Amino acid sequence: MAVPLLAQTRPHIILLMADQYRGDCLGAAGNREIQTPYLDRLARGGVNFRAAYSSTPTCTPARAALLTGMSPWHHGMLGYGGVAERYPVEMPRLLSAAGYYTLGIGKMHWHPQRALHGFERTILDESGRAETPEFRSDYRSWFWSERPEDNPDATGIGWNSCEAKPYALPERLHPTAWIGDTAVQFLREYREQQPFFLKVSFERPHSPYDPPQRWWDRYNRPLLPAVAGAWAEKFRPRSSDQTDLWHGDLGPEAVQSARRGYYGSVSFVDEQIGRITEVLESRGWLNRTLILFTADHGDMLGDQYLWRKSYAYEPSAHIPMLMHWPERLSAGQAVTKPVELRDVLPTFLDAAGVAVPRGVDGKSLLRTGGDWREWIDLEHDVCYSPDNHWNVLTDGKRKYVFHARTGTEQFFDLEKDPHELNALSGTPEIAVWRKRMVEHLAERGPDWVRDGKLVPRPNRQLYSPNYPGIPPALPAASRRTG
């Protein structure tokens, strides 16, 4: 059924996103342990897309999809590489050309860091990523103007660590609070006649899992344990003796600590989103503002003995996606058709009354009826290990996984087995999904499909021929990812 359009006005547009936010960490997703009242309010007042995915679930390729509205093969990033300096189609550039004031706040994760991609201005929180003598994020400049004697990393947790502890400094200095403050200040002070496009991109709940003490204390209770299927037994041994390992059974206490810090970080982000919506309400803008909340990817948090992201499995690839626009959208909708980050750009253009350029693969989320796609494609080039290299097709109910290095397959019935505990084999459905994968990958040539069959790919290919410009050198597929 199509999402009904109730009016014809030109909205303000706000893209809210959080880094490494699992799709199941919302009260609106049925999680009774997590406190997300403000996001739940957006879901109740709008649309909850229950089968939303990140096609390439690490930070940079996900942001390329968001920026361009394209699939991985067409924007050119098949894994964790560098966002190109310019694409033929870019969300902020198109909205700016349509008369929107465009501002980005928080984490962009672009290279170079000060690239604008059509934004009139970005106010950056890149935290410890790529801080050099030539670049310092706006958050860090602000931090040292406030506390020149302090260390913004005083909590002492690494960027991809599985450790968790409460933030060591006053809460107002936390980067999540700074992003919220910066967005609220903009909304309070905006006086222009033109509509605005505001992107607010939170660094958390990406590790370090370091919520303020009050949110750490709030989750001092048993939380959902990690789950693992028998097929994941190979991931039980630790991949490293470091805290930024990518697989390993660390025991229930370590899992509970990580989830305590992660849940607290989620709730702190939710609180900032509440502040943003309250300012919109106070200015009379809430009903005529299109708000879309999503994430670049999820976080395994020990499920299947895996940590971090880049995997084919639901905690990594399944993301939240909520859309709120009372002037146009009926409240309380739940859409189960498969959607993806590539759909955000055409959605915003549709809302702004702008034609979607040729080459965009996504579809407007305002029109999820009729000929909507049956399934969505996901993939990731080698990350952490040559064995973590895969292609997926899913409709949110079934999932077919092709492991590129070995040519082996997994198939999951997500309706009966939402935690992917049972990897099925020998069912007639697998042949149907395999055929779909052959058809999907055929355009890529004989290294991918030969004689009507999927071809194992023991070597990596980080960039497709469609990547604009000269691809950056391959990054180390290890500890620094996203």
Protein backbone atom coordinates (compact mmCIF):
# COMPACT_ATOMS: atom_id res chain seq x y z
CA MET A 1 0.00 0.00 0.00
CA ALA A 2 1.36 3.42 -0.89
CA VAL A 3 2.14 5.91 1.86
CA PRO A 4 -0.71 8.45 1.48
CA LEU A 5 0.16 12.06 0.64
CA LEU A 6 -2.09 14.40 2.59
CA ALA A 7 -1.02 17.87 1.44
CA GLN A 8 1.13 19.72 -1.08
CA THR A 9 3.50 22.00 0.82
CA ARG A 10 7.27 22.36 0.58
CA PRO A 11 8.78 21.14 3.85
CA HIS A 12 11.90 21.75 5.84
CA ILE A 13 13.89 18.49 5.68
CA ILE A 14 15.90 17.03 8.56
CA LEU A 15 18.03 13.92 8.22
CA LEU A 16 18.83 12.50 11.65
CA MET A 17 21.30 9.66 11.72
CA ALA A 18 23.27 7.74 14.29
CA ASP A 19 26.44 5.77 13.71
CA GLN A 20 26.41 1.99 14.21
CA TYR A 21 22.78 1.86 15.41
CA ARG A 22 21.16 -1.60 15.34
CA GLY A 23 17.71 -1.89 13.85
CA ASP A 24 16.37 -3.72 16.92
CA CYS A 25 17.40 -1.04 19.43
CA LEU A 26 14.14 0.91 19.40
CA GLY A 27 11.11 0.62 21.58
CA ALA A 28 9.16 0.95 18.32
CA ALA A 29 10.95 -2.18 17.05
CA GLY A 30 9.66 -4.19 20.00
CA ASN A 31 12.70 -3.87 22.24
CA ARG A 32 11.26 -3.57 25.75
CA GLU A 33 14.62 -3.07 27.44
CA ILE A 34 15.77 0.09 25.68
CA GLN A 35 14.49 3.61 26.35
CA THR A 36 13.94 5.57 23.12
CA PRO A 37 10.80 7.64 23.84
CA TYR A 38 11.50 10.41 21.32
CA LEU A 39 12.27 8.09 18.42
CA ASP A 40 9.24 6.01 19.38
CA ARG A 41 7.18 9.19 19.16
CA LEU A 42 8.41 9.78 15.62
CA ALA A 43 7.45 6.22 14.74
CA ARG A 44 3.97 6.57 16.25
CA GLY A 45 3.41 9.82 14.37
CA GLY A 46 4.71 8.59 11.04
CA VAL A 47 6.14 5.55 9.27
CA ASN A 48 8.33 2.77 10.64
CA PHE A 49 10.17 0.91 7.87
CA ARG A 50 10.69 -2.49 9.45
CA ALA A 51 12.84 -3.99 6.68
CA ALA A 52 15.43 -1.22 6.31
CA TYR A 53 19.01 -2.17 5.42
CA SER A 54 22.45 -0.78 4.81
CA SER A 55 23.66 -2.33 1.57
CA THR A 56 27.34 -2.07 2.51
CA PRO A 57 27.31 -1.98 6.31
CA THR A 58 30.39 0.02 7.21
CA CYS A 59 30.61 3.78 7.60
CA THR A 60 32.01 5.12 4.33
CA PRO A 61 30.18 3.03 1.70
CA ALA A 62 26.92 3.50 3.57
CA ARG A 63 27.45 7.26 3.45
CA ALA A 64 28.18 7.05 -0.27
CA ALA A 65 24.80 5.37 -0.77
CA LEU A 66 23.11 8.04 1.31
CA LEU A 67 24.87 10.82 -0.60
CA THR A 68 24.17 9.49 -4.10
CA GLY A 69 21.01 7.38 -3.95
CA MET A 70 22.90 4.62 -5.73
CA SER A 71 23.62 0.94 -5.16
CA PRO A 72 27.16 -0.15 -4.26
CA TRP A 73 28.14 -1.18 -7.80
CA HIS A 74 26.88 2.09 -9.24
CA HIS A 75 28.40 4.53 -6.72
CA GLY A 76 31.53 2.43 -6.82
CA MET A 77 32.28 1.42 -3.22
CA LEU A 78 31.95 -2.29 -2.52
CA GLY A 79 33.51 -2.10 0.94
CA TYR A 80 35.26 0.19 3.39
CA GLY A 81 37.14 2.68 1.23
CA GLY A 82 37.12 6.41 0.64
CA VAL A 83 34.05 8.45 -0.28
CA ALA A 84 34.84 10.12 -3.62
CA GLU A 85 35.46 13.86 -3.66
CA ARG A 86 32.50 14.41 -6.00
CA TYR A 87 29.72 12.30 -7.53
CA PRO A 88 27.51 13.14 -10.51
CA VAL A 89 24.53 13.13 -8.13
CA GLU A 90 24.77 14.40 -4.52
CA MET A 91 21.94 14.99 -2.08
CA PRO A 92 22.98 18.37 -0.58
CA ARG A 93 23.97 19.74 -4.00
CA LEU A 94 20.56 18.90 -5.49
CA LEU A 95 18.65 20.36 -2.55
CA SER A 96 20.80 23.50 -2.59
CA ALA A 97 20.06 23.92 -6.30
CA ALA A 98 16.36 23.56 -5.46
CA GLY A 99 16.56 26.57 -3.13
CA TYR A 100 17.20 24.89 0.23
CA TYR A 101 19.67 26.23 2.78
CA THR A 102 21.89 23.21 3.49
CA LEU A 103 23.81 22.50 6.71
CA GLY A 104 25.53 19.36 7.97
CA ILE A 105 26.30 18.87 11.68
CA GLY A 106 28.32 16.04 13.20
CA LYS A 107 29.98 13.11 11.48
CA MET A 108 30.25 13.22 7.69
CA HIS A 109 33.20 10.80 7.31
CA TRP A 110 34.27 12.23 3.97
CA HIS A 111 37.71 12.71 2.47
CA PRO A 112 38.93 15.35 2.51
CA GLN A 113 37.21 16.10 5.79
CA ARG A 114 36.15 19.59 4.74
CA ALA A 115 34.55 18.47 1.48
CA LEU A 116 31.05 19.95 1.25
CA HIS A 117 29.31 17.90 -1.48
CA GLY A 118 26.84 20.75 -1.86
CA PHE A 119 26.39 21.75 1.77
CA GLU A 120 26.73 25.47 2.33
CA ARG A 121 28.45 24.63 5.59
CA THR A 122 29.42 21.65 7.72
CA ILE A 123 30.13 21.77 11.48
CA LEU A 124 32.11 18.62 12.08
CA ASP A 125 32.49 16.11 14.88
CA GLU A 126 34.87 13.50 13.52
CA SER A 127 36.25 12.77 17.00
CA GLY A 128 39.63 11.04 16.90
CA ARG A 129 39.39 10.06 13.24
CA ALA A 130 42.13 11.51 11.02
CA GLU A 131 43.05 14.38 13.34
CA THR A 132 46.16 15.94 11.80
CA PRO A 133 48.03 19.25 12.06
CA GLU A 134 46.04 20.28 8.97
CA PHE A 135 42.63 19.22 10.30
CA ARG A 136 40.88 19.53 13.63
CA SER A 137 37.16 18.89 13.95
CA ASP A 138 34.91 21.73 15.09
CA TYR A 139 33.92 19.70 18.15
CA ARG A 140 37.53 19.37 19.26
CA SER A 141 38.20 23.06 18.68
CA TRP A 142 35.16 23.86 20.82
CA PHE A 143 36.20 21.34 23.47
CA TRP A 144 39.65 22.87 23.91
CA SER A 145 38.19 26.37 24.00
CA GLU A 146 36.04 25.20 26.92
CA ARG A 147 38.53 22.91 28.69
CA PRO A 148 42.06 23.56 27.39
CA GLU A 149 43.52 21.51 30.23
CA ASP A 150 41.45 18.38 29.52
CA ASN A 151 41.63 15.46 27.09
CA PRO A 152 38.47 14.79 25.03
CA ASP A 153 39.44 11.09 25.07
CA ALA A 154 39.82 10.99 28.86
CA THR A 155 37.44 8.04 29.21
CA GLY A 156 40.22 5.93 27.71
CA ILE A 157 38.28 3.59 25.40
CA GLY A 158 39.49 2.92 21.86
CA TRP A 159 37.42 3.84 18.81
CA ASN A 160 36.48 0.22 17.99
CA SER A 161 36.80 -1.27 21.46
CA CYS A 162 34.24 -3.64 22.95
CA GLU A 163 34.88 -2.12 26.39
CA ALA A 164 32.39 0.24 28.02
CA LYS A 165 32.41 2.69 30.91
CA PRO A 166 30.71 5.99 31.81
CA TYR A 167 31.99 9.20 30.27
CA ALA A 168 34.79 10.60 32.42
CA LEU A 169 34.04 14.30 31.96
CA PRO A 170 31.02 16.55 32.57
CA GLU A 171 28.14 15.49 30.36
CA ARG A 172 27.91 18.78 28.48
CA LEU A 173 31.36 18.07 26.96
CA HIS A 174 30.28 14.76 25.42
CA PRO A 175 30.25 14.86 21.60
CA THR A 176 26.64 13.64 21.57
CA ALA A 177 25.62 16.64 23.69
CA TRP A 178 27.66 18.98 21.48
CA ILE A 179 25.93 17.77 18.32
CA GLY A 180 22.54 18.17 19.99
CA ASP A 181 23.45 21.66 21.23
CA THR A 182 24.68 22.73 17.80
CA ALA A 183 21.53 21.52 16.05
CA VAL A 184 19.25 23.14 18.63
CA GLN A 185 21.10 26.44 18.31
CA PHE A 186 20.68 26.43 14.53
CA LEU A 187 16.96 25.70 14.77
CA ARG A 188 16.40 28.40 17.37
CA GLU A 189 18.24 31.03 15.35
CA TYR A 190 17.16 30.24 11.78
CA ARG A 191 15.35 33.25 10.31
CA GLU A 192 15.66 32.78 6.54
CA GLN A 193 12.61 32.52 4.29
CA GLN A 194 13.95 29.58 2.31
CA PRO A 195 13.35 26.04 3.58
CA PHE A 196 16.35 24.27 5.08
CA PHE A 197 17.90 20.84 4.73
CA LEU A 198 19.63 19.93 7.99
CA LYS A 199 21.68 16.77 8.44
CA VAL A 200 22.40 15.91 12.08
CA SER A 201 24.79 12.97 12.26
CA PHE A 202 25.66 11.56 15.69
CA GLU A 203 28.94 9.73 16.33
CA ARG A 204 27.33 7.39 18.85
CA PRO A 205 26.30 4.69 19.64
CA HIS A 206 29.45 3.69 17.71
CA SER A 207 32.12 2.77 20.21
CA PRO A 208 33.53 4.03 22.48
CA TYR A 209 30.50 2.94 24.49
CA ASP A 210 30.74 5.87 26.90
CA PRO A 211 27.36 7.30 27.92
CA PRO A 212 27.04 9.83 30.72
CA GLN A 213 26.99 8.34 34.21
CA ARG A 214 23.22 8.74 34.60
CA TRP A 215 22.55 6.66 31.46
CA TRP A 216 25.19 4.12 32.49
CA ASP A 217 23.39 3.77 35.83
CA ARG A 218 19.98 3.50 34.13
CA TYR A 219 21.02 0.22 32.45
CA ASN A 220 22.57 -1.38 35.53
CA ARG A 221 20.44 -4.50 35.14
CA PRO A 222 20.41 -7.70 33.06
CA LEU A 223 20.06 -6.94 29.36
CA LEU A 224 19.43 -9.18 26.39
CA PRO A 225 22.21 -11.78 26.13
CA ALA A 226 24.15 -12.41 22.93
CA VAL A 227 22.87 -15.20 20.70
CA ALA A 228 24.75 -17.53 18.37
CA GLY A 229 23.80 -20.33 15.99
CA ALA A 230 25.73 -23.58 15.76
CA TRP A 231 27.06 -22.38 12.38
CA ALA A 232 28.87 -19.51 14.17
CA GLU A 233 30.98 -21.78 16.36
CA LYS A 234 34.03 -20.99 14.23
CA PHE A 235 33.85 -17.41 15.55
CA ARG A 236 34.00 -18.42 19.22
CA PRO A 237 37.83 -18.21 19.54
CA ARG A 238 39.17 -14.69 19.94
CA SER A 239 40.56 -13.09 16.77
CA SER A 240 42.91 -10.98 18.88
CA ASP A 241 43.94 -10.29 22.46
CA GLN A 242 43.06 -6.61 21.87
CA THR A 243 39.74 -5.02 22.78
CA ASP A 244 38.99 -4.11 19.15
CA LEU A 245 38.82 -7.74 18.06
CA TRP A 246 36.30 -8.75 15.41
CA HIS A 247 35.24 -12.13 16.76
CA GLY A 248 35.39 -14.06 20.00
CA ASP A 249 33.33 -15.36 22.91
CA LEU A 250 34.23 -12.89 25.66
CA GLY A 251 31.73 -14.27 28.16
CA PRO A 252 28.39 -12.94 29.35
CA GLU A 253 29.82 -10.24 31.63
CA ALA A 254 31.72 -8.56 28.79
CA VAL A 255 28.65 -8.72 26.56
CA GLN A 256 26.47 -7.22 29.26
CA SER A 257 28.95 -4.40 29.87
CA ALA A 258 29.16 -3.58 26.15
CA ARG A 259 25.39 -3.59 25.85
CA ARG A 260 25.04 -1.43 28.93
CA GLY A 261 27.31 1.20 27.38
CA TYR A 262 25.70 0.83 23.96
CA TYR A 263 22.13 1.12 25.27
CA GLY A 264 23.10 4.15 27.33
CA SER A 265 24.65 5.74 24.24
CA VAL A 266 21.47 5.04 22.25
CA SER A 267 19.29 6.67 24.89
CA PHE A 268 21.55 9.71 25.07
CA VAL A 269 21.23 10.15 21.28
CA ASP A 270 17.46 9.72 21.60
CA GLU A 271 17.43 12.47 24.21
CA GLN A 272 19.14 14.89 21.81
CA ILE A 273 16.60 14.02 19.12
CA GLY A 274 13.91 14.90 21.65
CA ARG A 275 15.49 18.32 22.13
CA ILE A 276 15.52 18.86 18.36
CA THR A 277 11.85 17.95 17.96
CA GLU A 278 10.92 20.17 20.92
CA VAL A 279 12.52 23.19 19.21
CA LEU A 280 10.66 22.38 16.00
CA GLU A 281 7.43 22.22 17.99
CA SER A 282 8.13 25.52 19.75
CA ARG A 283 8.66 27.23 16.40
CA GLY A 284 5.54 25.72 14.86
CA TRP A 285 7.56 23.69 12.35
CA LEU A 286 7.07 20.12 13.51
CA ASN A 287 4.04 19.36 11.35
CA ARG A 288 5.56 20.76 8.17
CA THR A 289 9.04 19.28 8.56
CA LEU A 290 9.99 15.98 6.97
CA ILE A 291 12.15 14.16 9.53
CA LEU A 292 13.89 10.94 8.58
CA PHE A 293 15.92 8.98 11.12
CA THR A 294 18.28 6.19 10.13
CA ALA A 295 21.80 4.80 10.62
CA ASP A 296 24.75 3.87 8.44
CA HIS A 297 24.88 0.28 9.79
CA GLY A 298 24.40 -1.71 12.98
CA ASP A 299 26.62 -3.38 15.60
CA MET A 300 26.95 -7.11 16.32
CA LEU A 301 27.58 -6.62 20.08
CA GLY A 302 28.71 -10.24 20.44
CA ASP A 303 25.86 -11.89 18.53
CA GLN A 304 27.22 -14.90 16.57
CA TYR A 305 30.43 -14.21 18.59
CA LEU A 306 31.02 -11.25 16.25
CA TRP A 307 31.87 -7.65 17.12
CA ARG A 308 31.65 -4.34 15.26
CA LYS A 309 30.10 -4.42 11.74
CA SER A 310 30.65 -5.28 8.02
CA TYR A 311 28.78 -8.59 8.28
CA ALA A 312 25.88 -10.08 6.33
CA TYR A 313 23.85 -10.64 9.50
CA GLU A 314 20.93 -8.67 10.89
CA PRO A 315 22.63 -6.88 13.82
CA SER A 316 25.15 -5.46 11.33
CA ALA A 317 23.06 -4.85 8.19
CA HIS A 318 19.53 -4.19 9.48
CA ILE A 319 19.05 -0.54 10.45
CA PRO A 320 16.26 1.66 11.82
CA MET A 321 14.39 3.94 9.43
CA LEU A 322 11.61 6.23 10.62
CA MET A 323 9.86 9.00 8.69
CA HIS A 324 7.71 11.72 10.26
CA TRP A 325 5.82 14.42 8.35
CA PRO A 326 2.35 15.06 9.81
CA GLU A 327 1.23 17.31 6.95
CA ARG A 328 1.72 14.50 4.46
CA LEU A 329 1.89 11.15 6.25
CA SER A 330 -0.72 9.19 8.15
CA ALA A 331 0.44 8.27 11.65
CA GLY A 332 1.31 4.82 12.90
CA GLN A 333 2.23 3.09 9.65
CA ALA A 334 4.50 0.04 9.53
CA VAL A 335 5.99 -0.75 6.12
CA THR A 336 7.53 -4.21 5.68
CA LYS A 337 8.81 -3.81 2.13
CA PRO A 338 12.62 -3.76 1.81
CA VAL A 339 14.13 -0.26 1.85
CA GLU A 340 17.70 1.00 1.94
CA LEU A 341 19.86 4.09 2.37
CA ARG A 342 19.76 4.69 -1.41
CA ASP A 343 16.05 5.52 -0.99
CA VAL A 344 16.65 8.60 1.17
CA LEU A 345 17.85 10.93 -1.62
CA PRO A 346 14.86 10.31 -3.94
CA THR A 347 12.55 10.69 -0.95
CA PHE A 348 13.88 14.14 -0.15
CA LEU A 349 13.78 15.20 -3.80
CA ASP A 350 10.19 13.97 -4.05
CA ALA A 351 9.23 15.99 -0.97
CA ALA A 352 10.94 19.08 -2.39
CA GLY A 353 9.24 18.71 -5.76
CA VAL A 354 12.52 18.00 -7.58
CA ALA A 355 12.88 15.42 -10.36
CA VAL A 356 15.06 12.44 -9.50
CA PRO A 357 18.13 12.36 -11.81
CA ARG A 358 18.87 9.43 -14.06
CA GLY A 359 21.23 6.92 -12.53
CA VAL A 360 19.68 7.01 -9.07
CA ASP A 361 18.80 3.47 -7.97
CA GLY A 362 16.69 4.37 -4.93
CA LYS A 363 12.96 5.03 -4.83
CA SER A 364 10.97 7.60 -2.90
CA LEU A 365 9.80 6.26 0.44
CA LEU A 366 6.73 8.45 0.02
CA ARG A 367 5.50 5.98 -2.59
CA THR A 368 6.06 2.44 -1.32
CA GLY A 369 3.20 0.87 -3.25
CA GLY A 370 2.64 -0.82 -6.57
CA ASP A 371 5.92 -1.72 -8.24
CA TRP A 372 8.10 -1.53 -5.13
CA ARG A 373 11.14 -3.82 -5.23
CA GLU A 374 10.79 -7.43 -4.10
CA TRP A 375 14.23 -7.61 -2.50
CA ILE A 376 17.31 -5.51 -1.79
CA ASP A 377 20.97 -6.29 -2.51
CA LEU A 378 23.71 -6.08 0.13
CA GLU A 379 27.43 -6.78 -0.10
CA HIS A 380 30.81 -6.15 1.45
CA ASP A 381 34.32 -6.54 0.13
CA VAL A 382 36.98 -8.13 2.37
CA CYS A 383 37.00 -6.68 5.88
CA TYR A 384 38.98 -7.95 8.90
CA SER A 385 39.58 -11.30 7.15
CA PRO A 386 39.44 -12.72 3.59
CA ASP A 387 36.58 -14.92 4.84
CA ASN A 388 34.40 -11.88 5.58
CA HIS A 389 33.52 -11.13 1.94
CA TRP A 390 29.95 -11.64 0.80
CA ASN A 391 26.85 -10.80 -1.25
CA VAL A 392 23.28 -10.93 0.06
CA LEU A 393 19.74 -10.66 -1.24
CA THR A 394 16.88 -10.21 1.25
CA ASP A 395 13.26 -9.14 1.33
CA GLY A 396 13.28 -8.81 5.11
CA LYS A 397 11.64 -12.23 5.42
CA ARG A 398 14.26 -14.44 3.77
CA LYS A 399 17.98 -13.91 3.34
CA TYR A 400 20.37 -15.55 0.88
CA VAL A 401 24.11 -15.17 1.60
CA PHE A 402 26.85 -15.97 -0.91
CA HIS A 403 30.33 -16.09 0.62
CA ALA A 404 32.63 -14.82 -2.11
CA ARG A 405 35.92 -16.40 -1.10
CA THR A 406 34.65 -19.98 -0.93
CA GLY A 407 31.43 -19.89 -2.94
CA THR A 408 29.50 -21.32 0.02
CA GLU A 409 25.94 -20.29 0.84
CA GLN A 410 23.71 -19.59 3.82
CA PHE A 411 19.95 -19.16 3.82
CA PHE A 412 17.85 -17.82 6.71
CA ASP A 413 14.10 -17.73 7.29
CA LEU A 414 13.94 -14.40 9.13
CA GLU A 415 10.23 -14.75 9.93
CA LYS A 416 10.73 -17.97 11.88
CA ASP A 417 14.33 -17.34 12.87
CA PRO A 418 14.91 -13.57 13.31
CA HIS A 419 18.21 -14.15 15.15
CA GLU A 420 19.64 -16.25 12.28
CA LEU A 421 20.38 -19.24 14.49
CA ASN A 422 19.66 -21.83 11.79
CA ALA A 423 21.43 -21.65 8.43
CA LEU A 424 19.17 -23.68 6.13
CA SER A 425 20.34 -25.86 3.25
CA GLY A 426 18.76 -28.04 0.60
CA THR A 427 15.45 -26.17 0.38
CA PRO A 428 13.87 -25.34 -3.02
CA GLU A 429 13.79 -21.67 -2.03
CA ILE A 430 17.59 -21.47 -2.08
CA ALA A 431 17.67 -22.20 -5.81
CA VAL A 432 15.20 -19.39 -6.43
CA TRP A 433 17.29 -16.88 -4.49
CA ARG A 434 20.53 -18.12 -6.07
CA LYS A 435 19.03 -17.49 -9.52
CA ARG A 436 18.11 -13.97 -8.43
CA MET A 437 21.68 -13.40 -7.30
CA VAL A 438 23.00 -14.62 -10.67
CA GLU A 439 20.71 -12.16 -12.45
CA HIS A 440 21.68 -9.35 -10.10
CA LEU A 441 25.45 -9.83 -10.48
CA ALA A 442 25.47 -10.64 -14.22
CA GLU A 443 26.17 -7.02 -15.26
CA ARG A 444 29.51 -7.22 -13.45
CA GLY A 445 31.03 -9.70 -15.87
CA PRO A 446 32.65 -13.16 -15.84
CA ASP A 447 34.60 -12.64 -12.62
CA TRP A 448 31.21 -12.60 -10.89
CA VAL A 449 28.95 -14.81 -13.02
CA ARG A 450 30.11 -17.37 -15.56
CA ASP A 451 27.99 -19.83 -17.53
CA GLY A 452 24.97 -18.83 -15.48
CA LYS A 453 26.67 -19.66 -12.17
CA LEU A 454 28.06 -17.59 -9.31
CA VAL A 455 31.86 -17.54 -9.31
CA PRO A 456 33.94 -17.69 -6.10
CA ARG A 457 36.08 -14.58 -5.73
CA PRO A 458 39.14 -15.26 -3.55
CA ASN A 459 40.56 -11.81 -4.33
CA ARG A 460 39.11 -8.55 -3.14
CA GLN A 461 37.63 -5.78 -5.28
CA LEU A 462 37.01 -2.68 -3.19
CA TYR A 463 35.95 -0.33 -5.99
CA SER A 464 33.79 -0.95 -9.05
CA PRO A 465 34.55 0.63 -12.45
CA ASN A 466 31.81 3.18 -11.67
CA TYR A 467 33.78 4.87 -8.89
CA PRO A 468 34.24 8.51 -9.95
CA GLY A 469 37.83 9.62 -10.27
CA ILE A 470 40.85 7.69 -9.07
CA PRO A 471 40.08 5.39 -6.12
CA PRO A 472 42.16 5.97 -2.98
CA ALA A 473 44.70 3.36 -1.99
CA LEU A 474 43.22 0.29 -0.35
CA PRO A 475 42.93 0.85 3.41
CA ALA A 476 44.01 -1.85 5.82
CA ALA A 477 40.91 -3.98 6.39
CA SER A 478 41.46 -4.14 10.10
CA ARG A 479 41.18 -2.10 13.22
CA ARG A 480 40.45 1.35 11.86
CA THR A 481 37.23 0.48 10.07
CA GLY A 482 34.45 3.03 10.53
